[in-house]
Amino acid sequence: MSKKLKLLGVAVLFAVGGAASFFLSAPMDHYLESWLPFPLLSHFSMIPIPFALLSVLLFLRSWKAAVSVPLNVAVWCAAYAIATPQSGLDSNLHIFLAGLVGGFSVALSDTICCPRLLSPKYLSYAATVGLLAAFPFVLVSEFGHSAEGPPLGILLPFSFAIWQAAVGTCLYWASAPDDVALPVLEGGSTGE
């Protein structure tokens, strides 16, 4: 399988996990049809669980991940606290800051299983990707509660899918050994 196709598959898995994250935390009667055969958990701390489990399956692959998963939940709680408008920051800066902190902190928490991620280079990649991937949440902030924008039930799952796909794929790429890693960010060839 080509490296590009593998990365695309990883991105799709993390995107599906990101959308699922939202639905794990959303009140069932508000966002989903009543035909679903199971009750959904409504506590917001469930949001990082699909991301953390996909990370374990795709690249962490260690018993130490038992520590990484709760750390991912803690990272989510910290990023959520930063992202809320009550954090005291002007404009949408708080959303981008939450994306940056989330990307950096998830990479840092995953160093328990993948020490390679502790490199300043990979931590900065994860932070930058997290910051940039937070943009869809700005759309939620700007248009989520207005009549002219798309409904919040579409914007939020889309936003989680984008952020988790971008950061998850970045971490997957960064966690690979040098002989497997794609030199995309270094400007090298990505061919086989």
Protein backbone atom coordinates (compact mmCIF):
# COMPACT_ATOMS: atom_id res chain seq x y z
CA MET A 1 0.00 0.00 0.00
CA SER A 2 1.37 3.42 -0.87
CA LYS A 3 2.33 5.75 1.95
CA LYS A 4 -0.05 8.45 0.71
CA LEU A 5 -2.96 6.02 0.64
CA LYS A 6 -2.11 4.80 4.13
CA LEU A 7 -2.08 8.40 5.44
CA LEU A 8 -5.41 9.06 3.72
CA GLY A 9 -6.88 5.99 5.43
CA VAL A 10 -5.56 7.16 8.80
CA ALA A 11 -7.05 10.62 8.22
CA VAL A 12 -10.45 9.11 7.34
CA LEU A 13 -10.39 6.92 10.46
CA PHE A 14 -9.58 9.89 12.68
CA ALA A 15 -12.26 12.01 10.93
CA VAL A 16 -14.91 9.35 11.55
CA GLY A 17 -13.67 9.11 15.14
CA GLY A 18 -13.92 12.89 15.45
CA ALA A 19 -17.52 12.96 14.29
CA ALA A 20 -18.29 9.99 16.57
CA SER A 21 -16.74 11.93 19.44
CA PHE A 22 -19.34 14.62 19.07
CA PHE A 23 -22.20 12.14 18.98
CA LEU A 24 -20.91 10.40 22.10
CA SER A 25 -21.34 13.65 23.99
CA ALA A 26 -24.44 15.06 22.28
CA PRO A 27 -27.89 14.67 23.81
CA MET A 28 -29.56 12.00 21.70
CA ASP A 29 -32.93 13.72 21.39
CA HIS A 30 -31.31 16.97 20.20
CA TYR A 31 -28.93 15.85 17.46
CA LEU A 32 -29.80 12.31 16.46
CA GLU A 33 -32.82 10.49 15.22
CA SER A 34 -34.74 8.51 17.81
CA TRP A 35 -34.28 5.25 15.88
CA LEU A 36 -30.82 4.59 17.36
CA PRO A 37 -31.03 1.42 19.48
CA PHE A 38 -28.67 2.53 22.27
CA PRO A 39 -28.50 5.43 24.69
CA LEU A 40 -25.63 7.85 24.21
CA LEU A 41 -23.43 9.12 26.98
CA SER A 42 -23.91 12.83 27.40
CA HIS A 43 -20.84 13.81 29.40
CA PHE A 44 -18.38 15.93 27.44
CA SER A 45 -15.38 13.98 28.71
CA MET A 46 -16.29 11.18 26.29
CA ILE A 47 -15.25 13.35 23.32
CA PRO A 48 -11.54 12.37 23.33
CA ILE A 49 -12.13 8.64 23.77
CA PRO A 50 -12.40 7.67 20.05
CA PHE A 51 -9.29 9.76 19.27
CA ALA A 52 -7.34 8.15 22.09
CA LEU A 53 -8.43 4.62 21.16
CA LEU A 54 -7.57 5.14 17.49
CA SER A 55 -4.16 6.44 18.55
CA VAL A 56 -3.63 3.29 20.62
CA LEU A 57 -4.65 1.03 17.73
CA LEU A 58 -2.74 2.87 14.99
CA PHE A 59 0.55 3.94 16.54
CA LEU A 60 0.84 3.80 20.33
CA ARG A 61 0.47 0.01 20.61
CA SER A 62 1.76 -0.37 24.14
CA TRP A 63 0.41 -1.20 27.59
CA LYS A 64 1.62 2.29 28.56
CA ALA A 65 -1.31 3.64 26.54
CA ALA A 66 -3.41 2.91 29.63
CA VAL A 67 -1.85 6.13 30.95
CA SER A 68 -2.04 8.00 27.65
CA VAL A 69 -5.82 7.62 27.25
CA PRO A 70 -6.70 9.37 30.55
CA LEU A 71 -4.14 12.05 29.70
CA ASN A 72 -5.98 12.63 26.42
CA VAL A 73 -9.17 13.18 28.42
CA ALA A 74 -7.34 15.68 30.65
CA VAL A 75 -5.98 17.46 27.56
CA TRP A 76 -9.51 17.71 26.16
CA CYS A 77 -10.79 19.22 29.42
CA ALA A 78 -7.97 21.80 29.43
CA ALA A 79 -8.50 22.69 25.76
CA TYR A 80 -12.24 22.98 26.32
CA ALA A 81 -11.66 25.36 29.24
CA ILE A 82 -9.41 27.50 27.03
CA ALA A 83 -11.84 27.42 24.10
CA THR A 84 -14.79 28.74 26.05
CA PRO A 85 -15.46 32.46 25.64
CA GLN A 86 -15.27 32.88 29.42
CA SER A 87 -11.51 32.34 29.25
CA GLY A 88 -11.06 36.12 29.03
CA LEU A 89 -9.42 36.26 25.58
CA ASP A 90 -10.74 38.56 22.88
CA SER A 91 -12.17 37.51 19.53
CA ASN A 92 -11.63 33.90 18.52
CA LEU A 93 -8.06 33.77 19.78
CA HIS A 94 -9.19 31.42 22.55
CA ILE A 95 -10.28 28.84 19.96
CA PHE A 96 -6.93 28.88 18.15
CA LEU A 97 -5.09 28.76 21.46
CA ALA A 98 -7.15 25.72 22.47
CA GLY A 99 -6.22 24.02 19.18
CA LEU A 100 -2.54 24.77 19.74
CA VAL A 101 -2.59 23.58 23.35
CA GLY A 102 -4.59 20.50 22.37
CA GLY A 103 -2.21 19.48 19.58
CA PHE A 104 0.89 20.08 21.69
CA SER A 105 -0.55 18.37 24.78
CA VAL A 106 -1.87 15.29 22.97
CA ALA A 107 1.57 14.82 21.38
CA LEU A 108 3.18 15.30 24.78
CA SER A 109 0.85 12.79 26.45
CA ASP A 110 1.55 10.26 23.69
CA THR A 111 5.31 10.43 24.36
CA ILE A 112 4.68 7.88 27.12
CA CYS A 113 4.33 5.26 24.39
CA CYS A 114 6.23 6.99 21.61
CA PRO A 115 9.29 8.87 22.92
CA ARG A 116 10.03 10.03 19.37
CA LEU A 117 7.20 12.57 19.74
CA LEU A 118 9.12 14.36 22.51
CA SER A 119 11.28 15.98 19.84
CA PRO A 120 10.74 19.77 19.67
CA LYS A 121 10.23 19.33 15.93
CA TYR A 122 7.29 16.93 16.32
CA LEU A 123 5.78 18.79 19.27
CA SER A 124 5.83 21.99 17.21
CA TYR A 125 4.29 20.19 14.21
CA ALA A 126 1.46 18.86 16.38
CA ALA A 127 0.90 22.28 17.98
CA THR A 128 0.84 24.03 14.59
CA VAL A 129 -1.50 21.47 13.06
CA GLY A 130 -3.76 21.74 16.12
CA LEU A 131 -3.82 25.53 15.84
CA LEU A 132 -4.66 25.50 12.11
CA ALA A 133 -7.20 22.69 12.43
CA ALA A 134 -9.10 24.71 15.04
CA PHE A 135 -10.44 27.03 12.33
CA PRO A 136 -13.74 25.12 11.87
CA PHE A 137 -14.49 25.81 15.54
CA VAL A 138 -14.30 29.52 14.69
CA LEU A 139 -17.14 28.89 12.24
CA VAL A 140 -19.07 27.30 15.10
CA SER A 141 -18.39 30.37 17.22
CA GLU A 142 -19.40 32.79 14.47
CA PHE A 143 -22.30 31.01 12.77
CA GLY A 144 -23.37 28.14 14.99
CA HIS A 145 -26.20 29.97 16.68
CA SER A 146 -27.33 32.19 13.80
CA ALA A 147 -30.16 31.63 11.37
CA GLU A 148 -27.92 32.25 8.34
CA GLY A 149 -25.27 29.65 9.10
CA PRO A 150 -25.35 25.88 8.94
CA PRO A 151 -26.95 24.16 11.93
CA LEU A 152 -24.81 23.51 14.98
CA GLY A 153 -25.53 19.78 14.65
CA ILE A 154 -23.56 19.82 11.37
CA LEU A 155 -20.82 22.31 12.26
CA LEU A 156 -19.71 20.67 15.50
CA PRO A 157 -19.22 17.10 14.22
CA PHE A 158 -17.46 18.54 11.15
CA SER A 159 -15.17 20.61 13.38
CA PHE A 160 -14.25 17.65 15.58
CA ALA A 161 -13.69 15.49 12.50
CA ILE A 162 -11.32 18.03 10.92
CA TRP A 163 -9.29 18.66 14.09
CA GLN A 164 -8.96 15.01 15.03
CA ALA A 165 -8.14 13.93 11.46
CA ALA A 166 -5.43 16.59 11.13
CA VAL A 167 -3.80 16.11 14.53
CA GLY A 168 -4.20 12.31 14.55
CA THR A 169 -2.64 11.98 11.10
CA CYS A 170 0.19 14.30 12.10
CA LEU A 171 0.93 12.18 15.18
CA TYR A 172 0.69 8.95 13.18
CA TRP A 173 3.15 10.34 10.64
CA ALA A 174 5.51 11.67 13.33
CA SER A 175 5.46 8.42 15.32
CA ALA A 176 6.72 6.31 12.41
CA PRO A 177 10.39 5.29 12.39
CA ASP A 178 12.68 7.32 10.11
CA ASP A 179 12.77 4.61 7.47
CA VAL A 180 8.96 4.59 7.31
CA ALA A 181 8.06 8.24 7.99
CA LEU A 182 6.95 10.40 5.13
CA PRO A 183 9.26 13.38 4.63
CA VAL A 184 6.29 15.59 3.70
CA LEU A 185 7.09 18.42 6.09
CA GLU A 186 10.81 18.34 5.29
CA GLY A 187 10.13 18.87 1.57
CA GLY A 188 11.33 15.45 0.41
CA SER A 189 9.78 12.98 -1.96
CA THR A 190 6.81 10.91 -0.79
CA GLY A 191 7.16 8.22 -3.43
CA GLU A 192 7.65 4.55 -2.71
